[in-house]
Amino acid sequence: MQFFRRIIHSDDIEKGIKLPRSMKHKNVELLIIPVEEQTAKSQLGFDPDSFAGSLKVKNLEKELTMIRSEWDRR
């Protein structure tokens, strides 16, 4: 992946980029990294929707209540 890296004076970019007060009137590092256009699903490598209906629990509410009652609450 290519990127652009430069040390510049923050006054040179203040018209285009709003900087915090602590970075004004100082040398700063400018990094420009290309953003690859991908959807969240393709970045994760799986589709969560494909798991819909895969959980086979007869009485879900009863199971959840039982699991929650096992937690130590202090």
Protein backbone atom coordinates (compact mmCIF):
# COMPACT_ATOMS: atom_id res chain seq x y z
CA MET A 1 0.00 0.00 0.00
CA GLN A 2 1.31 3.41 -0.91
CA PHE A 3 1.05 6.41 1.37
CA PHE A 4 2.20 10.01 1.50
CA ARG A 5 4.18 11.25 4.51
CA ARG A 6 5.50 14.75 5.10
CA ILE A 7 6.59 16.94 8.00
CA ILE A 8 4.97 20.35 7.49
CA HIS A 9 4.18 23.44 9.52
CA SER A 10 0.62 23.39 10.79
CA ASP A 11 0.08 26.99 9.65
CA ASP A 12 0.35 25.72 6.04
CA ILE A 13 -2.79 23.57 6.35
CA GLU A 14 -4.93 25.54 8.79
CA LYS A 15 -7.19 26.85 6.01
CA GLY A 16 -8.14 23.33 4.92
CA ILE A 17 -7.96 21.33 8.15
CA LYS A 18 -9.15 22.47 11.55
CA LEU A 19 -6.49 21.52 14.09
CA PRO A 20 -6.66 21.45 17.88
CA ARG A 21 -5.12 24.44 19.60
CA SER A 22 -2.24 22.29 20.89
CA MET A 23 -1.10 21.58 17.30
CA LYS A 24 -1.20 25.12 16.00
CA HIS A 25 2.06 26.92 15.09
CA LYS A 26 4.11 23.69 15.22
CA ASN A 27 5.64 21.17 12.87
CA VAL A 28 3.28 18.24 12.35
CA GLU A 29 3.42 14.99 10.45
CA LEU A 30 0.94 14.65 7.60
CA LEU A 31 -0.01 11.12 6.53
CA ILE A 32 -2.28 10.43 3.58
CA ILE A 33 -3.36 6.81 3.29
CA PRO A 34 -5.80 5.62 0.62
CA VAL A 35 -9.08 4.21 1.88
CA GLU A 36 -10.11 1.01 0.22
CA GLU A 37 -13.79 0.93 -0.59
CA GLN A 38 -15.18 -2.19 1.07
CA THR A 39 -18.34 -2.95 2.91
CA ALA A 40 -18.23 -3.96 6.56
CA LYS A 41 -19.36 -7.48 5.66
CA SER A 42 -16.52 -8.05 3.22
CA GLN A 43 -13.98 -6.70 5.70
CA LEU A 44 -15.13 -9.17 8.34
CA GLY A 45 -14.98 -12.06 5.93
CA PHE A 46 -18.40 -13.41 6.86
CA ASP A 47 -22.04 -12.47 6.61
CA PRO A 48 -23.78 -12.45 10.03
CA ASP A 49 -27.15 -12.75 8.30
CA SER A 50 -26.16 -16.23 7.15
CA PHE A 51 -26.43 -17.43 10.77
CA ALA A 52 -30.09 -16.47 11.12
CA GLY A 53 -32.12 -19.43 12.36
CA SER A 54 -29.10 -21.60 13.14
CA LEU A 55 -29.68 -21.53 16.92
CA LYS A 56 -31.94 -24.40 17.96
CA VAL A 57 -33.14 -23.79 21.53
CA LYS A 58 -36.54 -25.15 22.57
CA ASN A 59 -37.32 -22.63 25.30
CA LEU A 60 -35.03 -19.66 24.78
CA GLU A 61 -36.42 -17.50 27.61
CA LYS A 62 -36.03 -20.35 30.14
CA GLU A 63 -32.45 -21.01 28.99
CA LEU A 64 -31.53 -17.33 29.22
CA THR A 65 -33.01 -17.06 32.70
CA MET A 66 -31.05 -20.10 33.82
CA ILE A 67 -27.79 -18.78 32.37
CA ARG A 68 -28.29 -15.35 33.91
CA SER A 69 -29.06 -16.83 37.33
CA GLU A 70 -25.63 -18.52 37.29
CA TRP A 71 -23.84 -15.15 37.19
CA ASP A 72 -22.32 -13.99 40.43
CA ARG A 73 -23.92 -10.64 41.27
CA ARG A 74 -22.17 -8.74 44.02
